[in-house]
Amino acid sequence: MLVKKLHESGIRAEHAYAAGFVSIGLSVVTWCTSLRVEKKGEERADRWGIFVGEWAPTFFAIGLALSTYEK
């Protein structure tokens, strides 16, 4: 039902896959940026990168579901 609603709203599998790859890139950028901003030696610097990086599998799973629905 969720996949049907996403498809009806105009979201396609390619959009979800693109969001997954953007999430991976944003994760790297966020991690690098937080390393520069945080004080040296703090362990919090990588948490934002990990948090954003966890979105990618969800986007890829949605893309796979949409791809299956589109066929």
PDB file of N, CA and C in Angstrom:
ATOM      1  N   MET A   1       0.825  -1.189   0.000  1.00  0.00           N
ATOM      2  CA  MET A   1       0.000   0.000   0.000  1.00  0.00           C
ATOM      3  C   MET A   1       0.875   1.261   0.000  1.00  0.00           C
ATOM      4  N   LEU A   2       1.927   1.259   0.800  1.00  0.00           N
ATOM      5  CA  LEU A   2       2.821   2.412   0.850  1.00  0.00           C
ATOM      6  C   LEU A   2       3.518   2.617  -0.490  1.00  0.00           C
ATOM      7  N   VAL A   3       3.938   1.517  -1.101  1.00  0.00           N
ATOM      8  CA  VAL A   3       4.622   1.599  -2.387  1.00  0.00           C
ATOM      9  C   VAL A   3       3.671   2.143  -3.445  1.00  0.00           C
ATOM     10  N   LYS A   4       2.418   1.704  -3.393  1.00  0.00           N
ATOM     11  CA  LYS A   4       1.418   2.198  -4.346  1.00  0.00           C
ATOM     12  C   LYS A   4       1.225   3.701  -4.194  1.00  0.00           C
ATOM     13  N   LYS A   5       1.144   4.176  -2.956  1.00  0.00           N
ATOM     14  CA  LYS A   5       0.975   5.616  -2.699  1.00  0.00           C
ATOM     15  C   LYS A   5       2.183   6.410  -3.185  1.00  0.00           C
ATOM     16  N   LEU A   6       3.383   5.887  -2.951  1.00  0.00           N
ATOM     17  CA  LEU A   6       4.582   6.573  -3.432  1.00  0.00           C
ATOM     18  C   LEU A   6       4.595   6.644  -4.951  1.00  0.00           C
ATOM     19  N   HIS A   7       4.220   5.540  -5.601  1.00  0.00           N
ATOM     20  CA  HIS A   7       4.188   5.503  -7.059  1.00  0.00           C
ATOM     21  C   HIS A   7       3.144   6.473  -7.607  1.00  0.00           C
ATOM     22  N   GLU A   8       1.991   6.514  -6.994  1.00  0.00           N
ATOM     23  CA  GLU A   8       0.928   7.416  -7.428  1.00  0.00           C
ATOM     24  C   GLU A   8       1.304   8.883  -7.228  1.00  0.00           C
ATOM     25  N   SER A   9       2.164   9.156  -6.253  1.00  0.00           N
ATOM     26  CA  SER A   9       2.575  10.541  -6.012  1.00  0.00           C
ATOM     27  C   SER A   9       3.703  10.982  -6.939  1.00  0.00           C
ATOM     28  N   GLY A  10       4.173  10.081  -7.794  1.00  0.00           N
ATOM     29  CA  GLY A  10       5.176  10.451  -8.790  1.00  0.00           C
ATOM     30  C   GLY A  10       6.594  10.044  -8.454  1.00  0.00           C
ATOM     31  N   ILE A  11       6.777   9.367  -7.342  1.00  0.00           N
ATOM     32  CA  ILE A  11       8.120   8.920  -6.966  1.00  0.00           C
ATOM     33  C   ILE A  11       8.401   7.603  -7.683  1.00  0.00           C
ATOM     34  N   ARG A  12       9.529   7.533  -8.346  1.00  0.00           N
ATOM     35  CA  ARG A  12       9.922   6.336  -9.090  1.00  0.00           C
ATOM     36  C   ARG A  12      11.141   5.698  -8.430  1.00  0.00           C
ATOM     37  N   ALA A  13      11.464   4.498  -8.863  1.00  0.00           N
ATOM     38  CA  ALA A  13      12.590   3.766  -8.291  1.00  0.00           C
ATOM     39  C   ALA A  13      13.888   4.551  -8.450  1.00  0.00           C
ATOM     40  N   GLU A  14      14.040   5.225  -9.583  1.00  0.00           N
ATOM     41  CA  GLU A  14      15.264   5.994  -9.822  1.00  0.00           C
ATOM     42  C   GLU A  14      15.435   7.110  -8.797  1.00  0.00           C
ATOM     43  N   HIS A  15      14.321   7.696  -8.361  1.00  0.00           N
ATOM     44  CA  HIS A  15      14.393   8.751  -7.351  1.00  0.00           C
ATOM     45  C   HIS A  15      14.906   8.197  -6.016  1.00  0.00           C
ATOM     46  N   ALA A  16      14.396   7.028  -5.644  1.00  0.00           N
ATOM     47  CA  ALA A  16      14.822   6.414  -4.377  1.00  0.00           C
ATOM     48  C   ALA A  16      16.288   6.003  -4.440  1.00  0.00           C
ATOM     49  N   TYR A  17      16.709   5.438  -5.593  1.00  0.00           N
ATOM     50  CA  TYR A  17      18.120   5.065  -5.738  1.00  0.00           C
ATOM     51  C   TYR A  17      19.017   6.296  -5.666  1.00  0.00           C
ATOM     52  N   ALA A  18      18.601   7.372  -6.314  1.00  0.00           N
ATOM     53  CA  ALA A  18      19.382   8.612  -6.272  1.00  0.00           C
ATOM     54  C   ALA A  18      19.476   9.135  -4.839  1.00  0.00           C
ATOM     55  N   ALA A  19      18.372   9.066  -4.101  1.00  0.00           N
ATOM     56  CA  ALA A  19      18.383   9.506  -2.703  1.00  0.00           C
ATOM     57  C   ALA A  19      19.349   8.655  -1.874  1.00  0.00           C
ATOM     58  N   GLY A  20      19.438   7.369  -2.171  1.00  0.00           N
ATOM     59  CA  GLY A  20      20.382   6.498  -1.468  1.00  0.00           C
ATOM     60  C   GLY A  20      21.824   6.902  -1.713  1.00  0.00           C
ATOM     61  N   PHE A  21      22.155   7.190  -2.987  1.00  0.00           N
ATOM     62  CA  PHE A  21      23.523   7.600  -3.304  1.00  0.00           C
ATOM     63  C   PHE A  21      23.836   8.983  -2.724  1.00  0.00           C
ATOM     64  N   VAL A  22      22.855   9.876  -2.729  1.00  0.00           N
ATOM     65  CA  VAL A  22      23.057  11.196  -2.123  1.00  0.00           C
ATOM     66  C   VAL A  22      23.286  11.051  -0.620  1.00  0.00           C
ATOM     67  N   SER A  23      22.570  10.131  -0.004  1.00  0.00           N
ATOM     68  CA  SER A  23      22.745   9.880   1.428  1.00  0.00           C
ATOM     69  C   SER A  23      24.162   9.403   1.746  1.00  0.00           C
ATOM     70  N   ILE A  24      24.713   8.556   0.886  1.00  0.00           N
ATOM     71  CA  ILE A  24      26.080   8.085   1.095  1.00  0.00           C
ATOM     72  C   ILE A  24      27.057   9.250   0.976  1.00  0.00           C
ATOM     73  N   GLY A  25      26.897  10.066  -0.056  1.00  0.00           N
ATOM     74  CA  GLY A  25      27.774  11.234  -0.228  1.00  0.00           C
ATOM     75  C   GLY A  25      27.631  12.225   0.912  1.00  0.00           C
ATOM     76  N   LEU A  26      26.394  12.474   1.326  1.00  0.00           N
ATOM     77  CA  LEU A  26      26.153  13.399   2.434  1.00  0.00           C
ATOM     78  C   LEU A  26      26.753  12.866   3.732  1.00  0.00           C
ATOM     79  N   SER A  27      26.748  11.557   3.895  1.00  0.00           N
ATOM     80  CA  SER A  27      27.352  10.947   5.072  1.00  0.00           C
ATOM     81  C   SER A  27      28.850  11.240   5.137  1.00  0.00           C
ATOM     82  N   VAL A  28      29.525  11.089   4.005  1.00  0.00           N
ATOM     83  CA  VAL A  28      30.967  11.358   3.957  1.00  0.00           C
ATOM     84  C   VAL A  28      31.248  12.834   4.216  1.00  0.00           C
ATOM     85  N   VAL A  29      30.469  13.705   3.583  1.00  0.00           N
ATOM     86  CA  VAL A  29      30.667  15.157   3.764  1.00  0.00           C
ATOM     87  C   VAL A  29      30.404  15.554   5.211  1.00  0.00           C
ATOM     88  N   THR A  30      29.333  15.023   5.783  1.00  0.00           N
ATOM     89  CA  THR A  30      29.006  15.346   7.176  1.00  0.00           C
ATOM     90  C   THR A  30      30.094  14.867   8.123  1.00  0.00           C
ATOM     91  N   TRP A  31      30.603  13.674   7.877  1.00  0.00           N
ATOM     92  CA  TRP A  31      31.663  13.136   8.727  1.00  0.00           C
ATOM     93  C   TRP A  31      32.923  13.987   8.630  1.00  0.00           C
ATOM     94  N   CYS A  32      33.322  14.342   7.413  1.00  0.00           N
ATOM     95  CA  CYS A  32      34.528  15.159   7.238  1.00  0.00           C
ATOM     96  C   CYS A  32      34.363  16.543   7.869  1.00  0.00           C
ATOM     97  N   THR A  33      33.190  17.125   7.696  1.00  0.00           N
ATOM     98  CA  THR A  33      32.928  18.445   8.271  1.00  0.00           C
ATOM     99  C   THR A  33      32.937  18.395   9.792  1.00  0.00           C
ATOM    100  N   SER A  34      32.316  17.360  10.359  1.00  0.00           N
ATOM    101  CA  SER A  34      32.258  17.286  11.822  1.00  0.00           C
ATOM    102  C   SER A  34      33.633  17.029  12.422  1.00  0.00           C
ATOM    103  N   LEU A  35      34.511  16.352  11.685  1.00  0.00           N
ATOM    104  CA  LEU A  35      35.871  16.157  12.190  1.00  0.00           C
ATOM    105  C   LEU A  35      36.607  17.483  12.313  1.00  0.00           C
ATOM    106  N   ARG A  36      36.350  18.386  11.386  1.00  0.00           N
ATOM    107  CA  ARG A  36      37.013  19.698  11.434  1.00  0.00           C
ATOM    108  C   ARG A  36      36.435  20.590  12.514  1.00  0.00           C
ATOM    109  N   VAL A  37      35.132  20.488  12.737  1.00  0.00           N
ATOM    110  CA  VAL A  37      34.462  21.369  13.688  1.00  0.00           C
ATOM    111  C   VAL A  37      34.687  20.921  15.127  1.00  0.00           C
ATOM    112  N   GLU A  38      34.602  19.624  15.353  1.00  0.00           N
ATOM    113  CA  GLU A  38      34.756  19.097  16.711  1.00  0.00           C
ATOM    114  C   GLU A  38      36.196  19.246  17.182  1.00  0.00           C
ATOM    115  N   LYS A  39      36.351  19.265  18.477  1.00  0.00           N
ATOM    116  CA  LYS A  39      37.696  19.278  19.037  1.00  0.00           C
ATOM    117  C   LYS A  39      38.365  17.949  18.735  1.00  0.00           C
ATOM    118  N   LYS A  40      39.637  17.984  18.577  1.00  0.00           N
ATOM    119  CA  LYS A  40      40.378  16.753  18.272  1.00  0.00           C
ATOM    120  C   LYS A  40      40.233  15.765  19.422  1.00  0.00           C
ATOM    121  N   GLY A  41      40.010  14.524  19.056  1.00  0.00           N
ATOM    122  CA  GLY A  41      39.917  13.469  20.047  1.00  0.00           C
ATOM    123  C   GLY A  41      38.517  13.162  20.536  1.00  0.00           C
ATOM    124  N   GLU A  42      37.534  13.982  20.170  1.00  0.00           N
ATOM    125  CA  GLU A  42      36.171  13.692  20.602  1.00  0.00           C
ATOM    126  C   GLU A  42      35.577  12.612  19.712  1.00  0.00           C
ATOM    127  N   GLU A  43      34.801  11.733  20.296  1.00  0.00           N
ATOM    128  CA  GLU A  43      34.226  10.622  19.554  1.00  0.00           C
ATOM    129  C   GLU A  43      32.883  10.956  18.933  1.00  0.00           C
ATOM    130  N   ARG A  44      32.366  12.150  19.175  1.00  0.00           N
ATOM    131  CA  ARG A  44      31.068  12.518  18.616  1.00  0.00           C
ATOM    132  C   ARG A  44      31.146  12.864  17.149  1.00  0.00           C
ATOM    133  N   ALA A  45      32.294  13.143  16.629  1.00  0.00           N
ATOM    134  CA  ALA A  45      32.445  13.656  15.274  1.00  0.00           C
ATOM    135  C   ALA A  45      31.866  12.713  14.226  1.00  0.00           C
ATOM    136  N   ASP A  46      31.951  11.426  14.456  1.00  0.00           N
ATOM    137  CA  ASP A  46      31.485  10.496  13.437  1.00  0.00           C
ATOM    138  C   ASP A  46      30.006  10.147  13.549  1.00  0.00           C
ATOM    139  N   ARG A  47      29.336  10.585  14.578  1.00  0.00           N
ATOM    140  CA  ARG A  47      27.944  10.183  14.794  1.00  0.00           C
ATOM    141  C   ARG A  47      26.993  10.722  13.736  1.00  0.00           C
ATOM    142  N   TRP A  48      27.175  11.951  13.304  1.00  0.00           N
ATOM    143  CA  TRP A  48      26.297  12.500  12.257  1.00  0.00           C
ATOM    144  C   TRP A  48      26.503  11.750  10.952  1.00  0.00           C
ATOM    145  N   GLY A  49      27.740  11.442  10.625  1.00  0.00           N
ATOM    146  CA  GLY A  49      28.013  10.686   9.408  1.00  0.00           C
ATOM    147  C   GLY A  49      27.368   9.312   9.433  1.00  0.00           C
ATOM    148  N   ILE A  50      27.437   8.648  10.566  1.00  0.00           N
ATOM    149  CA  ILE A  50      26.808   7.335  10.701  1.00  0.00           C
ATOM    150  C   ILE A  50      25.296   7.462  10.630  1.00  0.00           C
ATOM    151  N   PHE A  51      24.744   8.479  11.285  1.00  0.00           N
ATOM    152  CA  PHE A  51      23.289   8.689  11.279  1.00  0.00           C
ATOM    153  C   PHE A  51      22.767   8.889   9.858  1.00  0.00           C
ATOM    154  N   VAL A  52      23.405   9.750   9.097  1.00  0.00           N
ATOM    155  CA  VAL A  52      22.971  10.009   7.722  1.00  0.00           C
ATOM    156  C   VAL A  52      23.230   8.786   6.848  1.00  0.00           C
ATOM    157  N   GLY A  53      24.308   8.081   7.090  1.00  0.00           N
ATOM    158  CA  GLY A  53      24.626   6.889   6.309  1.00  0.00           C
ATOM    159  C   GLY A  53      23.629   5.759   6.496  1.00  0.00           C
ATOM    160  N   GLU A  54      22.919   5.761   7.607  1.00  0.00           N
ATOM    161  CA  GLU A  54      21.919   4.721   7.835  1.00  0.00           C
ATOM    162  C   GLU A  54      20.661   4.913   7.000  1.00  0.00           C
ATOM    163  N   TRP A  55      20.504   6.061   6.372  1.00  0.00           N
ATOM    164  CA  TRP A  55      19.344   6.290   5.514  1.00  0.00           C
ATOM    165  C   TRP A  55      19.461   5.535   4.198  1.00  0.00           C
ATOM    166  N   ALA A  56      20.680   5.321   3.714  1.00  0.00           N
ATOM    167  CA  ALA A  56      20.896   4.738   2.384  1.00  0.00           C
ATOM    168  C   ALA A  56      20.208   3.377   2.208  1.00  0.00           C
ATOM    169  N   PRO A  57      20.339   2.421   3.118  1.00  0.00           N
ATOM    170  CA  PRO A  57      19.662   1.139   2.901  1.00  0.00           C
ATOM    171  C   PRO A  57      18.146   1.266   2.795  1.00  0.00           C
ATOM    172  N   THR A  58      17.577   2.200   3.546  1.00  0.00           N
ATOM    173  CA  THR A  58      16.136   2.410   3.468  1.00  0.00           C
ATOM    174  C   THR A  58      15.735   2.926   2.092  1.00  0.00           C
ATOM    175  N   PHE A  59      16.489   3.895   1.575  1.00  0.00           N
ATOM    176  CA  PHE A  59      16.186   4.412   0.245  1.00  0.00           C
ATOM    177  C   PHE A  59      16.352   3.329  -0.821  1.00  0.00           C
ATOM    178  N   PHE A  60      17.403   2.516  -0.705  1.00  0.00           N
ATOM    179  CA  PHE A  60      17.599   1.440  -1.677  1.00  0.00           C
ATOM    180  C   PHE A  60      16.486   0.396  -1.590  1.00  0.00           C
ATOM    181  N   ALA A  61      16.015   0.090  -0.397  1.00  0.00           N
ATOM    182  CA  ALA A  61      14.915  -0.859  -0.235  1.00  0.00           C
ATOM    183  C   ALA A  61      13.623  -0.308  -0.841  1.00  0.00           C
ATOM    184  N   ILE A  62      13.366   0.970  -0.638  1.00  0.00           N
ATOM    185  CA  ILE A  62      12.193   1.598  -1.245  1.00  0.00           C
ATOM    186  C   ILE A  62      12.324   1.586  -2.767  1.00  0.00           C
ATOM    187  N   GLY A  63      13.526   1.850  -3.270  1.00  0.00           N
ATOM    188  CA  GLY A  63      13.752   1.803  -4.713  1.00  0.00           C
ATOM    189  C   GLY A  63      13.507   0.419  -5.268  1.00  0.00           C
ATOM    190  N   LEU A  64      13.943  -0.604  -4.558  1.00  0.00           N
ATOM    191  CA  LEU A  64      13.720  -1.983  -5.006  1.00  0.00           C
ATOM    192  C   LEU A  64      12.234  -2.314  -5.008  1.00  0.00           C
ATOM    193  N   ALA A  65      11.527  -1.892  -3.962  1.00  0.00           N
ATOM    194  CA  ALA A  65      10.085  -2.136  -3.904  1.00  0.00           C
ATOM    195  C   ALA A  65       9.352  -1.413  -5.027  1.00  0.00           C
ATOM    196  N   LEU A  66       9.748  -0.168  -5.293  1.00  0.00           N
ATOM    197  CA  LEU A  66       9.128   0.582  -6.386  1.00  0.00           C
ATOM    198  C   LEU A  66       9.456  -0.039  -7.732  1.00  0.00           C
ATOM    199  N   SER A  67      10.670  -0.523  -7.896  1.00  0.00           N
ATOM    200  CA  SER A  67      11.060  -1.164  -9.137  1.00  0.00           C
ATOM    201  C   SER A  67      10.223  -2.421  -9.384  1.00  0.00           C
ATOM    202  N   THR A  68      10.007  -3.196  -8.356  1.00  0.00           N
ATOM    203  CA  THR A  68       9.170  -4.389  -8.471  1.00  0.00           C
ATOM    204  C   THR A  68       7.730  -4.014  -8.783  1.00  0.00           C
ATOM    205  N   TYR A  69       7.240  -2.967  -8.131  1.00  0.00           N
ATOM    206  CA  TYR A  69       5.860  -2.516  -8.369  1.00  0.00           C
ATOM    207  C   TYR A  69       5.684  -1.983  -9.790  1.00  0.00           C
ATOM    208  N   GLU A  70       6.685  -1.299 -10.297  1.00  0.00           N
ATOM    209  CA  GLU A  70       6.598  -0.723 -11.633  1.00  0.00           C
ATOM    210  C   GLU A  70       6.563  -1.800 -12.714  1.00  0.00           C
ATOM    211  N   LYS A  71       7.114  -2.967 -12.430  1.00  0.00           N
ATOM    212  CA  LYS A  71       7.080  -4.071 -13.415  1.00  0.00           C
ATOM    213  C   LYS A  71       5.775  -4.766 -13.299  1.00  0.00           C
TER     214      LYS A  71
END
